[in-house]
Amino acid sequence: MVKHRQRNTAKIKSSLKLSTIEGSWWAVMYGALESYFSVFYEYLKFSSYEISLLITFPVFVGSVLQVSIKKFYDFIKSRKLLIVILKGIQSSTLPFIYYTGISSGNYYLILFFVCVYYACAFGIAPPLTSWLGYLVPSRIRGKFFGNKSQIIRIFMLLSSLLAGTILHEYETNLVIGFGIIFSIGIIANLISAFMLAKKYEPSHESIDEGKEKFDIKGSKFHNLRNFILFDSFSSFSFSMSGPLMMVYWLRDLNFNYMEIAILINVGLLISSFSLRYWGVKIDELGTYFAIRWTSLFISVLPFFWIGLYYMPTKLILPACILTQSLALLLFSGRELAVENRLFEHMKGKSMIAISSKRVLYKGIAIFAAGLIGGAITEIGQSNVLNLFTVNSSIHIVLVVVSIIRFIIWGKYFSTKKCLI
């Protein structure tokens, strides 16, 4: 049994501020680089199926390796050290991804390095969740994470705009353009690791990770099992179409790099300023309420993207900006509510083990979705599927995705009984 110890309030407050600074640097890396990975793959002329696999298979690999994170933590006995090591390895893969793509474009070698990158990214999540779960009091989690997420989104927005501008300026020499944004990503991620190293970490014994094995099939974890399965099924529905949206914008809607940057970042701007509101409302109305209704509206979104294809050319970009803004607004609130729901289920115990299990199931779902979504586009492009005429094979994916989302919503939210 873990002994109750007095919390070091001063160090905790300082660490929460550092957490926001660290997250902001991570946002610079994500906005300037990771969000443009699929653009980099498109530049390398990979097929839509190959791009889908590049985005989802590394997630699967990273999630499967989650079973080892608890063992590494028990050996190191420090969340801070474990996260800093993983961030260092993650940063070191980025030059190899860039160089391999530019020099040879070897698909399988790039896939290998991207797998290492995401294995580290997913390995960071469980100990970081556990660490924050201790530092942030339960009564203000919605407000804290809402405020933090808002600041992070602003930095993500600015860095993404910068990256889009760089790619636009170097459109005739994208080797230099991608070289710049990869450099920004590497530096930002290393600074993020440095900020993490300065945060206060409670002693190994202060956070109850528990010695009891977390069995998702056990009756004791019935509610948590439902939550993890819902989260995994939802990730499946999101990941069938998510990796293909950049391909859809570039190939089917014919956007250039500057238009892509505008599309991504106007939506980010609107969703960023909504997060403070989302945090307050989630604390007020509850996580279940927010998840239920955002999930319903998200189920309709794929039909919006299909409809945009048939609009007059001059209206497509403005309509896409409105749709993307709505999508990010809904996803922001849902994501914030889901993360807070997880903390409610964990109750401060076994957080690394539970987070790892959640990531494992999500990773399997994301990989399966990527394979299916990519396969559907390949079938559509080869004219094997001639049951009805479509202008884009991605439209077929979007219809399937919407149907799956409605089925998931019906399963978990059609009655007033709380199943997650």
Foldseek 3Di string as FASTA:
>chain_A
DFDADDDPQVQLVVQLVLLLVLLQLLLLLCLLAVVCPLVLVVVLVDDLLLLLLLVQVLLLLLLVCLVCLVVVCVVVLFLLVLLLVLLVLLLVLLVVLLCCSVPPNPSVSNSVSSSSNNNSVLSNPLSVLLQVLVSDDLLQLLQSVLLSQLSNLVSSLVSNLVLLVLCVVCVVPCSVSNVVSSVSSSVSSNVSSVSSNPHDGDGSSNFALDPDADDLPDPVLQLLVLLLVLLQLLLLLCLLQVSCVVVCCCPLLNDDSNLVSLLQNLLSNLLSVCSSVLSVVCSVPHLLVLQLVLLVVLLPLLVQVQVLSPDPSVCSSVSSSVSSNSNSNSVSSNVSSSSSVLSVSCVRYSRSNSSSVSSNSNSVSSSVSSNVSSVQQVCVVVVVDVPDDDPGSSSVSSVVSSVSSVVSSCVQPVDPDHRD
